Amino acid sequence: MNHTPSFTADTPLDKVMKRSVIRDALQLMNISSNHRIKYKNQKKVELQQRVLTGKKTRMTLEERQALSEKAQKERDVWEANNCGSYEKIYPFDVTLVFLY
């Protein structure tokens, strides 16, 4: 991964390639102002809940694991449907490791 990529386009092919990479990356990351607004509103609700109850609501280990698994499944579906020209190489299929 190049940590300081050049976004200048010297040739028409360079312009097409870089534009596609940027478009696909932003699509895959699912960046939108709606998500930011939703996140900020969720944090406000959590803060108000803490102020009213005097403490943060805690989840059990099982609840956290279930929430994490649900989020991972949602990410996997999103990535599969929105990967553009990218090919997912990580995380790799663990079952393949045990075949060798």
PDB file of N, CA and C in Angstrom:
ATOM      1  N   MET A   1       0.854  -1.169   0.000  1.00  0.00           N
ATOM      2  CA  MET A   1       0.000   0.000   0.000  1.00  0.00           C
ATOM      3  C   MET A   1       0.895   1.224   0.000  1.00  0.00           C
ATOM      4  N   ASN A   2       0.616   2.139  -0.867  1.00  0.00           N
ATOM      5  CA  ASN A   2       1.370   3.385  -0.952  1.00  0.00           C
ATOM      6  C   ASN A   2       0.764   4.387   0.032  1.00  0.00           C
ATOM      7  N   HIS A   3       1.527   4.820   1.021  1.00  0.00           N
ATOM      8  CA  HIS A   3       0.987   5.735   2.024  1.00  0.00           C
ATOM      9  C   HIS A   3       0.957   7.190   1.555  1.00  0.00           C
ATOM     10  N   THR A   4       1.611   7.522   0.447  1.00  0.00           N
ATOM     11  CA  THR A   4       1.548   8.870  -0.113  1.00  0.00           C
ATOM     12  C   THR A   4       1.363   8.786  -1.630  1.00  0.00           C
ATOM     13  N   PRO A   5       0.202   8.368  -2.072  1.00  0.00           N
ATOM     14  CA  PRO A   5      -0.003   8.219  -3.515  1.00  0.00           C
ATOM     15  C   PRO A   5      -0.108   9.575  -4.218  1.00  0.00           C
ATOM     16  N   SER A   6       0.285   9.586  -5.464  1.00  0.00           N
ATOM     17  CA  SER A   6       0.153  10.787  -6.290  1.00  0.00           C
ATOM     18  C   SER A   6      -1.208  10.750  -6.965  1.00  0.00           C
ATOM     19  N   PHE A   7      -1.952  11.850  -6.843  1.00  0.00           N
ATOM     20  CA  PHE A   7      -3.258  11.911  -7.482  1.00  0.00           C
ATOM     21  C   PHE A   7      -3.233  12.767  -8.746  1.00  0.00           C
ATOM     22  N   THR A   8      -2.047  13.184  -9.175  1.00  0.00           N
ATOM     23  CA  THR A   8      -1.958  13.910 -10.436  1.00  0.00           C
ATOM     24  C   THR A   8      -2.076  12.908 -11.576  1.00  0.00           C
ATOM     25  N   ALA A   9      -2.715  13.339 -12.637  1.00  0.00           N
ATOM     26  CA  ALA A   9      -2.924  12.469 -13.795  1.00  0.00           C
ATOM     27  C   ALA A   9      -2.149  13.036 -14.977  1.00  0.00           C
ATOM     28  N   ASP A  10      -1.093  12.332 -15.367  1.00  0.00           N
ATOM     29  CA  ASP A  10      -0.247  12.788 -16.463  1.00  0.00           C
ATOM     30  C   ASP A  10      -0.765  12.350 -17.829  1.00  0.00           C
ATOM     31  N   THR A  11      -1.536  11.269 -17.841  1.00  0.00           N
ATOM     32  CA  THR A  11      -2.055  10.751 -19.110  1.00  0.00           C
ATOM     33  C   THR A  11      -3.548  10.459 -18.945  1.00  0.00           C
ATOM     34  N   PRO A  12      -4.269  10.328 -20.047  1.00  0.00           N
ATOM     35  CA  PRO A  12      -5.693   9.978 -19.952  1.00  0.00           C
ATOM     36  C   PRO A  12      -5.914   8.638 -19.239  1.00  0.00           C
ATOM     37  N   LEU A  13      -5.057   7.659 -19.493  1.00  0.00           N
ATOM     38  CA  LEU A  13      -5.189   6.376 -18.817  1.00  0.00           C
ATOM     39  C   LEU A  13      -4.976   6.529 -17.319  1.00  0.00           C
ATOM     40  N   ASP A  14      -3.978   7.315 -16.947  1.00  0.00           N
ATOM     41  CA  ASP A  14      -3.700   7.582 -15.540  1.00  0.00           C
ATOM     42  C   ASP A  14      -4.925   8.211 -14.870  1.00  0.00           C
ATOM     43  N   LYS A  15      -5.567   9.137 -15.543  1.00  0.00           N
ATOM     44  CA  LYS A  15      -6.749   9.810 -15.004  1.00  0.00           C
ATOM     45  C   LYS A  15      -7.889   8.822 -14.798  1.00  0.00           C
ATOM     46  N   VAL A  16      -8.127   7.975 -15.770  1.00  0.00           N
ATOM     47  CA  VAL A  16      -9.205   6.976 -15.666  1.00  0.00           C
ATOM     48  C   VAL A  16      -8.934   6.010 -14.517  1.00  0.00           C
ATOM     49  N   MET A  17      -7.700   5.536 -14.424  1.00  0.00           N
ATOM     50  CA  MET A  17      -7.345   4.565 -13.384  1.00  0.00           C
ATOM     51  C   MET A  17      -7.490   5.174 -11.990  1.00  0.00           C
ATOM     52  N   LYS A  18      -6.937   6.352 -11.784  1.00  0.00           N
ATOM     53  CA  LYS A  18      -6.971   6.965 -10.459  1.00  0.00           C
ATOM     54  C   LYS A  18      -8.391   7.362 -10.067  1.00  0.00           C
ATOM     55  N   ARG A  19      -9.155   7.853 -11.009  1.00  0.00           N
ATOM     56  CA  ARG A  19     -10.545   8.211 -10.721  1.00  0.00           C
ATOM     57  C   ARG A  19     -11.327   6.966 -10.307  1.00  0.00           C
ATOM     58  N   SER A  20     -11.089   5.853 -10.983  1.00  0.00           N
ATOM     59  CA  SER A  20     -11.782   4.603 -10.653  1.00  0.00           C
ATOM     60  C   SER A  20     -11.387   4.097  -9.267  1.00  0.00           C
ATOM     61  N   VAL A  21     -10.106   4.175  -8.964  1.00  0.00           N
ATOM     62  CA  VAL A  21      -9.639   3.718  -7.639  1.00  0.00           C
ATOM     63  C   VAL A  21     -10.272   4.553  -6.534  1.00  0.00           C
ATOM     64  N   ILE A  22     -10.280   5.865  -6.705  1.00  0.00           N
ATOM     65  CA  ILE A  22     -10.858   6.748  -5.687  1.00  0.00           C
ATOM     66  C   ILE A  22     -12.353   6.504  -5.555  1.00  0.00           C
ATOM     67  N   ARG A  23     -13.063   6.406  -6.675  1.00  0.00           N
ATOM     68  CA  ARG A  23     -14.504   6.164  -6.650  1.00  0.00           C
ATOM     69  C   ARG A  23     -14.822   4.853  -5.943  1.00  0.00           C
ATOM     70  N   ASP A  24     -14.109   3.785  -6.318  1.00  0.00           N
ATOM     71  CA  ASP A  24     -14.362   2.480  -5.712  1.00  0.00           C
ATOM     72  C   ASP A  24     -14.033   2.473  -4.223  1.00  0.00           C
ATOM     73  N   ALA A  25     -12.956   3.163  -3.839  1.00  0.00           N
ATOM     74  CA  ALA A  25     -12.578   3.213  -2.418  1.00  0.00           C
ATOM     75  C   ALA A  25     -13.631   3.935  -1.594  1.00  0.00           C
ATOM     76  N   LEU A  26     -14.117   5.072  -2.096  1.00  0.00           N
ATOM     77  CA  LEU A  26     -15.158   5.810  -1.371  1.00  0.00           C
ATOM     78  C   LEU A  26     -16.463   5.023  -1.319  1.00  0.00           C
ATOM     79  N   GLN A  27     -16.794   4.339  -2.385  1.00  0.00           N
ATOM     80  CA  GLN A  27     -18.001   3.510  -2.407  1.00  0.00           C
ATOM     81  C   GLN A  27     -17.884   2.380  -1.395  1.00  0.00           C
ATOM     82  N   LEU A  28     -16.736   1.740  -1.358  1.00  0.00           N
ATOM     83  CA  LEU A  28     -16.518   0.616  -0.448  1.00  0.00           C
ATOM     84  C   LEU A  28     -16.537   1.070   1.016  1.00  0.00           C
ATOM     85  N   MET A  29     -16.016   2.259   1.287  1.00  0.00           N
ATOM     86  CA  MET A  29     -16.011   2.771   2.661  1.00  0.00           C
ATOM     87  C   MET A  29     -17.378   3.270   3.097  1.00  0.00           C
ATOM     88  N   ASN A  30     -18.306   3.425   2.146  1.00  0.00           N
ATOM     89  CA  ASN A  30     -19.676   3.846   2.446  1.00  0.00           C
ATOM     90  C   ASN A  30     -19.696   5.180   3.186  1.00  0.00           C
ATOM     91  N   ILE A  31     -18.968   6.133   2.661  1.00  0.00           N
ATOM     92  CA  ILE A  31     -18.890   7.451   3.277  1.00  0.00           C
ATOM     93  C   ILE A  31     -20.049   8.307   2.789  1.00  0.00           C
ATOM     94  N   SER A  32     -20.793   8.853   3.754  1.00  0.00           N
ATOM     95  CA  SER A  32     -21.861   9.779   3.395  1.00  0.00           C
ATOM     96  C   SER A  32     -22.164  10.672   4.592  1.00  0.00           C
ATOM     97  N   SER A  33     -22.721  11.824   4.315  1.00  0.00           N
ATOM     98  CA  SER A  33     -23.082  12.737   5.400  1.00  0.00           C
ATOM     99  C   SER A  33     -24.217  12.159   6.235  1.00  0.00           C
ATOM    100  N   ASN A  34     -25.076  11.337   5.629  1.00  0.00           N
ATOM    101  CA  ASN A  34     -26.179  10.730   6.375  1.00  0.00           C
ATOM    102  C   ASN A  34     -25.663   9.826   7.487  1.00  0.00           C
ATOM    103  N   HIS A  35     -24.610   9.060   7.216  1.00  0.00           N
ATOM    104  CA  HIS A  35     -24.042   8.194   8.231  1.00  0.00           C
ATOM    105  C   HIS A  35     -23.445   9.011   9.378  1.00  0.00           C
ATOM    106  N   ARG A  36     -22.811  10.102   9.034  1.00  0.00           N
ATOM    107  CA  ARG A  36     -22.218  10.970  10.064  1.00  0.00           C
ATOM    108  C   ARG A  36     -23.304  11.549  10.957  1.00  0.00           C
ATOM    109  N   ILE A  37     -24.373  12.038  10.366  1.00  0.00           N
ATOM    110  CA  ILE A  37     -25.484  12.612  11.132  1.00  0.00           C
ATOM    111  C   ILE A  37     -26.111  11.548  12.030  1.00  0.00           C
ATOM    112  N   LYS A  38     -26.326  10.360  11.484  1.00  0.00           N
ATOM    113  CA  LYS A  38     -26.911   9.263  12.260  1.00  0.00           C
ATOM    114  C   LYS A  38     -26.016   8.907  13.451  1.00  0.00           C
ATOM    115  N   TYR A  39     -24.703   8.850  13.230  1.00  0.00           N
ATOM    116  CA  TYR A  39     -23.754   8.529  14.290  1.00  0.00           C
ATOM    117  C   TYR A  39     -23.782   9.598  15.382  1.00  0.00           C
ATOM    118  N   LYS A  40     -23.765  10.869  14.987  1.00  0.00           N
ATOM    119  CA  LYS A  40     -23.785  11.955  15.962  1.00  0.00           C
ATOM    120  C   LYS A  40     -25.076  11.929  16.778  1.00  0.00           C
ATOM    121  N   ASN A  41     -26.201  11.655  16.132  1.00  0.00           N
ATOM    122  CA  ASN A  41     -27.475  11.574  16.849  1.00  0.00           C
ATOM    123  C   ASN A  41     -27.484  10.402  17.830  1.00  0.00           C
ATOM    124  N   GLN A  42     -26.909   9.288  17.426  1.00  0.00           N
ATOM    125  CA  GLN A  42     -26.822   8.119  18.303  1.00  0.00           C
ATOM    126  C   GLN A  42     -25.985   8.447  19.539  1.00  0.00           C
ATOM    127  N   LYS A  43     -24.881   9.153  19.352  1.00  0.00           N
ATOM    128  CA  LYS A  43     -24.029   9.532  20.478  1.00  0.00           C
ATOM    129  C   LYS A  43     -24.734  10.514  21.411  1.00  0.00           C
ATOM    130  N   LYS A  44     -25.554  11.414  20.858  1.00  0.00           N
ATOM    131  CA  LYS A  44     -26.317  12.339  21.686  1.00  0.00           C
ATOM    132  C   LYS A  44     -27.302  11.584  22.571  1.00  0.00           C
ATOM    133  N   VAL A  45     -27.984  10.604  21.982  1.00  0.00           N
ATOM    134  CA  VAL A  45     -28.936   9.792  22.746  1.00  0.00           C
ATOM    135  C   VAL A  45     -28.225   9.047  23.864  1.00  0.00           C
ATOM    136  N   GLU A  46     -27.061   8.463  23.561  1.00  0.00           N
ATOM    137  CA  GLU A  46     -26.292   7.755  24.585  1.00  0.00           C
ATOM    138  C   GLU A  46     -25.868   8.697  25.704  1.00  0.00           C
ATOM    139  N   LEU A  47     -25.450   9.905  25.362  1.00  0.00           N
ATOM    140  CA  LEU A  47     -25.039  10.883  26.360  1.00  0.00           C
ATOM    141  C   LEU A  47     -26.220  11.277  27.244  1.00  0.00           C
ATOM    142  N   GLN A  48     -27.373  11.529  26.645  1.00  0.00           N
ATOM    143  CA  GLN A  48     -28.567  11.884  27.410  1.00  0.00           C
ATOM    144  C   GLN A  48     -28.972  10.743  28.345  1.00  0.00           C
ATOM    145  N   GLN A  49     -28.834   9.528  27.867  1.00  0.00           N
ATOM    146  CA  GLN A  49     -29.172   8.368  28.683  1.00  0.00           C
ATOM    147  C   GLN A  49     -28.235   8.284  29.893  1.00  0.00           C
ATOM    148  N   ARG A  50     -26.967   8.549  29.689  1.00  0.00           N
ATOM    149  CA  ARG A  50     -26.007   8.534  30.800  1.00  0.00           C
ATOM    150  C   ARG A  50     -26.298   9.645  31.807  1.00  0.00           C
ATOM    151  N   VAL A  51     -26.675  10.816  31.294  1.00  0.00           N
ATOM    152  CA  VAL A  51     -26.975  11.940  32.179  1.00  0.00           C
ATOM    153  C   VAL A  51     -28.191  11.610  33.041  1.00  0.00           C
ATOM    154  N   LEU A  52     -29.208  11.018  32.448  1.00  0.00           N
ATOM    155  CA  LEU A  52     -30.433  10.708  33.179  1.00  0.00           C
ATOM    156  C   LEU A  52     -30.244   9.567  34.179  1.00  0.00           C
ATOM    157  N   THR A  53     -29.481   8.555  33.804  1.00  0.00           N
ATOM    158  CA  THR A  53     -29.319   7.394  34.680  1.00  0.00           C
ATOM    159  C   THR A  53     -28.090   7.496  35.570  1.00  0.00           C
ATOM    160  N   GLY A  54     -27.154   8.359  35.207  1.00  0.00           N
ATOM    161  CA  GLY A  54     -25.945   8.506  35.997  1.00  0.00           C
ATOM    162  C   GLY A  54     -24.885   7.475  35.677  1.00  0.00           C
ATOM    163  N   LYS A  55     -25.140   6.603  34.725  1.00  0.00           N
ATOM    164  CA  LYS A  55     -24.145   5.604  34.363  1.00  0.00           C
ATOM    165  C   LYS A  55     -24.349   5.167  32.915  1.00  0.00           C
ATOM    166  N   LYS A  56     -23.325   4.601  32.381  1.00  0.00           N
ATOM    167  CA  LYS A  56     -23.374   4.092  31.018  1.00  0.00           C
ATOM    168  C   LYS A  56     -23.978   2.688  31.036  1.00  0.00           C
ATOM    169  N   THR A  57     -24.855   2.423  30.101  1.00  0.00           N
ATOM    170  CA  THR A  57     -25.456   1.104  30.001  1.00  0.00           C
ATOM    171  C   THR A  57     -24.396   0.110  29.537  1.00  0.00           C
ATOM    172  N   ARG A  58     -24.264  -0.967  30.245  1.00  0.00           N
ATOM    173  CA  ARG A  58     -23.245  -1.970  29.921  1.00  0.00           C
ATOM    174  C   ARG A  58     -23.902  -3.190  29.293  1.00  0.00           C
ATOM    175  N   MET A  59     -23.229  -3.732  28.306  1.00  0.00           N
ATOM    176  CA  MET A  59     -23.689  -4.963  27.669  1.00  0.00           C
ATOM    177  C   MET A  59     -22.906  -6.136  28.233  1.00  0.00           C
ATOM    178  N   THR A  60     -23.533  -7.284  28.211  1.00  0.00           N
ATOM    179  CA  THR A  60     -22.834  -8.491  28.630  1.00  0.00           C
ATOM    180  C   THR A  60     -21.867  -8.903  27.527  1.00  0.00           C
ATOM    181  N   LEU A  61     -20.967  -9.806  27.854  1.00  0.00           N
ATOM    182  CA  LEU A  61     -20.008 -10.305  26.875  1.00  0.00           C
ATOM    183  C   LEU A  61     -20.737 -10.937  25.694  1.00  0.00           C
ATOM    184  N   GLU A  62     -21.777 -11.701  25.979  1.00  0.00           N
ATOM    185  CA  GLU A  62     -22.547 -12.359  24.908  1.00  0.00           C
ATOM    186  C   GLU A  62     -23.218 -11.330  24.004  1.00  0.00           C
ATOM    187  N   GLU A  63     -23.755 -10.250  24.591  1.00  0.00           N
ATOM    188  CA  GLU A  63     -24.401  -9.204  23.798  1.00  0.00           C
ATOM    189  C   GLU A  63     -23.382  -8.500  22.901  1.00  0.00           C
ATOM    190  N   ARG A  64     -22.194  -8.225  23.462  1.00  0.00           N
ATOM    191  CA  ARG A  64     -21.142  -7.574  22.657  1.00  0.00           C
ATOM    192  C   ARG A  64     -20.691  -8.470  21.516  1.00  0.00           C
ATOM    193  N   GLN A  65     -20.529  -9.765  21.788  1.00  0.00           N
ATOM    194  CA  GLN A  65     -20.116 -10.711  20.744  1.00  0.00           C
ATOM    195  C   GLN A  65     -21.182 -10.820  19.656  1.00  0.00           C
ATOM    196  N   ALA A  66     -22.449 -10.892  20.054  1.00  0.00           N
ATOM    197  CA  ALA A  66     -23.536 -10.972  19.078  1.00  0.00           C
ATOM    198  C   ALA A  66     -23.584  -9.710  18.221  1.00  0.00           C
ATOM    199  N   LEU A  67     -23.410  -8.550  18.852  1.00  0.00           N
ATOM    200  CA  LEU A  67     -23.408  -7.285  18.114  1.00  0.00           C
ATOM    201  C   LEU A  67     -22.233  -7.217  17.148  1.00  0.00           C
ATOM    202  N   SER A  68     -21.075  -7.698  17.592  1.00  0.00           N
ATOM    203  CA  SER A  68     -19.891  -7.713  16.745  1.00  0.00           C
ATOM    204  C   SER A  68     -20.083  -8.642  15.546  1.00  0.00           C
ATOM    205  N   GLU A  69     -20.644  -9.821  15.777  1.00  0.00           N
ATOM    206  CA  GLU A  69     -20.888 -10.768  14.682  1.00  0.00           C
ATOM    207  C   GLU A  69     -21.896 -10.212  13.686  1.00  0.00           C
ATOM    208  N   LYS A  70     -22.934  -9.554  14.192  1.00  0.00           N
ATOM    209  CA  LYS A  70     -23.939  -8.953  13.312  1.00  0.00           C
ATOM    210  C   LYS A  70     -23.305  -7.860  12.448  1.00  0.00           C
ATOM    211  N   ALA A  71     -22.486  -7.019  13.071  1.00  0.00           N
ATOM    212  CA  ALA A  71     -21.819  -5.946  12.332  1.00  0.00           C
ATOM    213  C   ALA A  71     -20.880  -6.519  11.279  1.00  0.00           C
ATOM    214  N   GLN A  72     -20.159  -7.593  11.615  1.00  0.00           N
ATOM    215  CA  GLN A  72     -19.243  -8.217  10.651  1.00  0.00           C
ATOM    216  C   GLN A  72     -20.009  -8.777   9.460  1.00  0.00           C
ATOM    217  N   LYS A  73     -21.154  -9.411   9.713  1.00  0.00           N
ATOM    218  CA  LYS A  73     -21.965  -9.944   8.616  1.00  0.00           C
ATOM    219  C   LYS A  73     -22.465  -8.825   7.715  1.00  0.00           C
ATOM    220  N   GLU A  74     -22.895  -7.706   8.333  1.00  0.00           N
ATOM    221  CA  GLU A  74     -23.354  -6.567   7.539  1.00  0.00           C
ATOM    222  C   GLU A  74     -22.219  -6.006   6.691  1.00  0.00           C
ATOM    223  N   ARG A  75     -20.994  -5.916   7.276  1.00  0.00           N
ATOM    224  CA  ARG A  75     -19.836  -5.433   6.511  1.00  0.00           C
ATOM    225  C   ARG A  75     -19.512  -6.369   5.359  1.00  0.00           C
ATOM    226  N   ASP A  76     -19.559  -7.678   5.617  1.00  0.00           N
ATOM    227  CA  ASP A  76     -19.260  -8.649   4.565  1.00  0.00           C
ATOM    228  C   ASP A  76     -20.225  -8.518   3.391  1.00  0.00           C
ATOM    229  N   VAL A  77     -21.515  -8.376   3.700  1.00  0.00           N
ATOM    230  CA  VAL A  77     -22.521  -8.222   2.636  1.00  0.00           C
ATOM    231  C   VAL A  77     -22.281  -6.926   1.874  1.00  0.00           C
ATOM    232  N   TRP A  78     -22.032  -5.828   2.624  1.00  0.00           N
ATOM    233  CA  TRP A  78     -21.789  -4.535   1.978  1.00  0.00           C
ATOM    234  C   TRP A  78     -20.571  -4.614   1.053  1.00  0.00           C
ATOM    235  N   GLU A  79     -19.475  -5.192   1.560  1.00  0.00           N
ATOM    236  CA  GLU A  79     -18.260  -5.290   0.759  1.00  0.00           C
ATOM    237  C   GLU A  79     -18.481  -6.144  -0.480  1.00  0.00           C
ATOM    238  N   ALA A  80     -19.199  -7.246  -0.337  1.00  0.00           N
ATOM    239  CA  ALA A  80     -19.447  -8.125  -1.481  1.00  0.00           C
ATOM    240  C   ALA A  80     -20.240  -7.407  -2.568  1.00  0.00           C
ATOM    241  N   ASN A  81     -21.161  -6.539  -2.179  1.00  0.00           N
ATOM    242  CA  ASN A  81     -22.015  -5.848  -3.142  1.00  0.00           C
ATOM    243  C   ASN A  81     -21.435  -4.541  -3.662  1.00  0.00           C
ATOM    244  N   ASN A  82     -20.382  -4.025  -3.011  1.00  0.00           N
ATOM    245  CA  ASN A  82     -19.875  -2.707  -3.365  1.00  0.00           C
ATOM    246  C   ASN A  82     -18.362  -2.663  -3.530  1.00  0.00           C
ATOM    247  N   CYS A  83     -17.751  -3.755  -3.910  1.00  0.00           N
ATOM    248  CA  CYS A  83     -16.282  -3.781  -3.984  1.00  0.00           C
ATOM    249  C   CYS A  83     -15.738  -3.197  -5.278  1.00  0.00           C
ATOM    250  N   GLY A  84     -16.592  -2.901  -6.240  1.00  0.00           N
ATOM    251  CA  GLY A  84     -16.109  -2.309  -7.482  1.00  0.00           C
ATOM    252  C   GLY A  84     -15.084  -3.203  -8.145  1.00  0.00           C
ATOM    253  N   SER A  85     -13.928  -2.626  -8.450  1.00  0.00           N
ATOM    254  CA  SER A  85     -12.856  -3.379  -9.102  1.00  0.00           C
ATOM    255  C   SER A  85     -11.905  -4.033  -8.101  1.00  0.00           C
ATOM    256  N   TYR A  86     -12.199  -3.858  -6.811  1.00  0.00           N
ATOM    257  CA  TYR A  86     -11.345  -4.462  -5.792  1.00  0.00           C
ATOM    258  C   TYR A  86     -11.665  -5.942  -5.630  1.00  0.00           C
ATOM    259  N   GLU A  87     -10.659  -6.688  -5.182  1.00  0.00           N
ATOM    260  CA  GLU A  87     -10.841  -8.095  -4.862  1.00  0.00           C
ATOM    261  C   GLU A  87     -10.462  -8.279  -3.405  1.00  0.00           C
ATOM    262  N   LYS A  88     -11.372  -8.833  -2.609  1.00  0.00           N
ATOM    263  CA  LYS A  88     -11.114  -9.005  -1.186  1.00  0.00           C
ATOM    264  C   LYS A  88     -10.093 -10.112  -0.980  1.00  0.00           C
ATOM    265  N   ILE A  89      -9.003  -9.767  -0.289  1.00  0.00           N
ATOM    266  CA  ILE A  89      -7.972 -10.766  -0.017  1.00  0.00           C
ATOM    267  C   ILE A  89      -7.780 -10.985   1.478  1.00  0.00           C
ATOM    268  N   TYR A  90      -8.419 -10.147   2.307  1.00  0.00           N
ATOM    269  CA  TYR A  90      -8.308 -10.302   3.748  1.00  0.00           C
ATOM    270  C   TYR A  90      -9.629  -9.923   4.366  1.00  0.00           C
ATOM    271  N   PRO A  91     -10.147 -10.589   5.338  1.00  0.00           N
ATOM    272  CA  PRO A  91      -9.584 -11.811   5.911  1.00  0.00           C
ATOM    273  C   PRO A  91      -9.802 -12.983   4.972  1.00  0.00           C
ATOM    274  N   PHE A  92      -8.815 -13.836   4.936  1.00  0.00           N
ATOM    275  CA  PHE A  92      -8.895 -14.984   4.046  1.00  0.00           C
ATOM    276  C   PHE A  92      -9.719 -16.086   4.690  1.00  0.00           C
ATOM    277  N   ASP A  93     -10.099 -17.058   3.896  1.00  0.00           N
ATOM    278  CA  ASP A  93     -10.918 -18.162   4.365  1.00  0.00           C
ATOM    279  C   ASP A  93     -10.073 -19.074   5.255  1.00  0.00           C
ATOM    280  N   VAL A  94     -10.410 -19.142   6.530  1.00  0.00           N
ATOM    281  CA  VAL A  94      -9.633 -19.917   7.504  1.00  0.00           C
ATOM    282  C   VAL A  94      -9.643 -21.409   7.164  1.00  0.00           C
ATOM    283  N   THR A  95     -10.703 -21.897   6.549  1.00  0.00           N
ATOM    284  CA  THR A  95     -10.773 -23.339   6.236  1.00  0.00           C
ATOM    285  C   THR A  95      -9.680 -23.747   5.269  1.00  0.00           C
ATOM    286  N   LEU A  96      -9.217 -22.825   4.432  1.00  0.00           N
ATOM    287  CA  LEU A  96      -8.170 -23.153   3.478  1.00  0.00           C
ATOM    288  C   LEU A  96      -6.831 -23.407   4.177  1.00  0.00           C
ATOM    289  N   VAL A  97      -6.614 -22.757   5.303  1.00  0.00           N
ATOM    290  CA  VAL A  97      -5.357 -22.920   6.020  1.00  0.00           C
ATOM    291  C   VAL A  97      -5.189 -24.355   6.499  1.00  0.00           C
ATOM    292  N   PHE A  98      -6.278 -24.975   6.904  1.00  0.00           N
ATOM    293  CA  PHE A  98      -6.208 -26.319   7.460  1.00  0.00           C
ATOM    294  C   PHE A  98      -6.144 -27.404   6.401  1.00  0.00           C
ATOM    295  N   LEU A  99      -6.306 -27.036   5.138  1.00  0.00           N
ATOM    296  CA  LEU A  99      -6.250 -28.024   4.073  1.00  0.00           C
ATOM    297  C   LEU A  99      -4.815 -28.389   3.727  1.00  0.00           C
ATOM    298  N   TYR A 100      -3.859 -27.543   4.046  1.00  0.00           N
ATOM    299  CA  TYR A 100      -2.480 -27.770   3.639  1.00  0.00           C
ATOM    300  C   TYR A 100      -1.674 -28.487   4.664  1.00  0.00           C
TER     301      TYR A 100
END
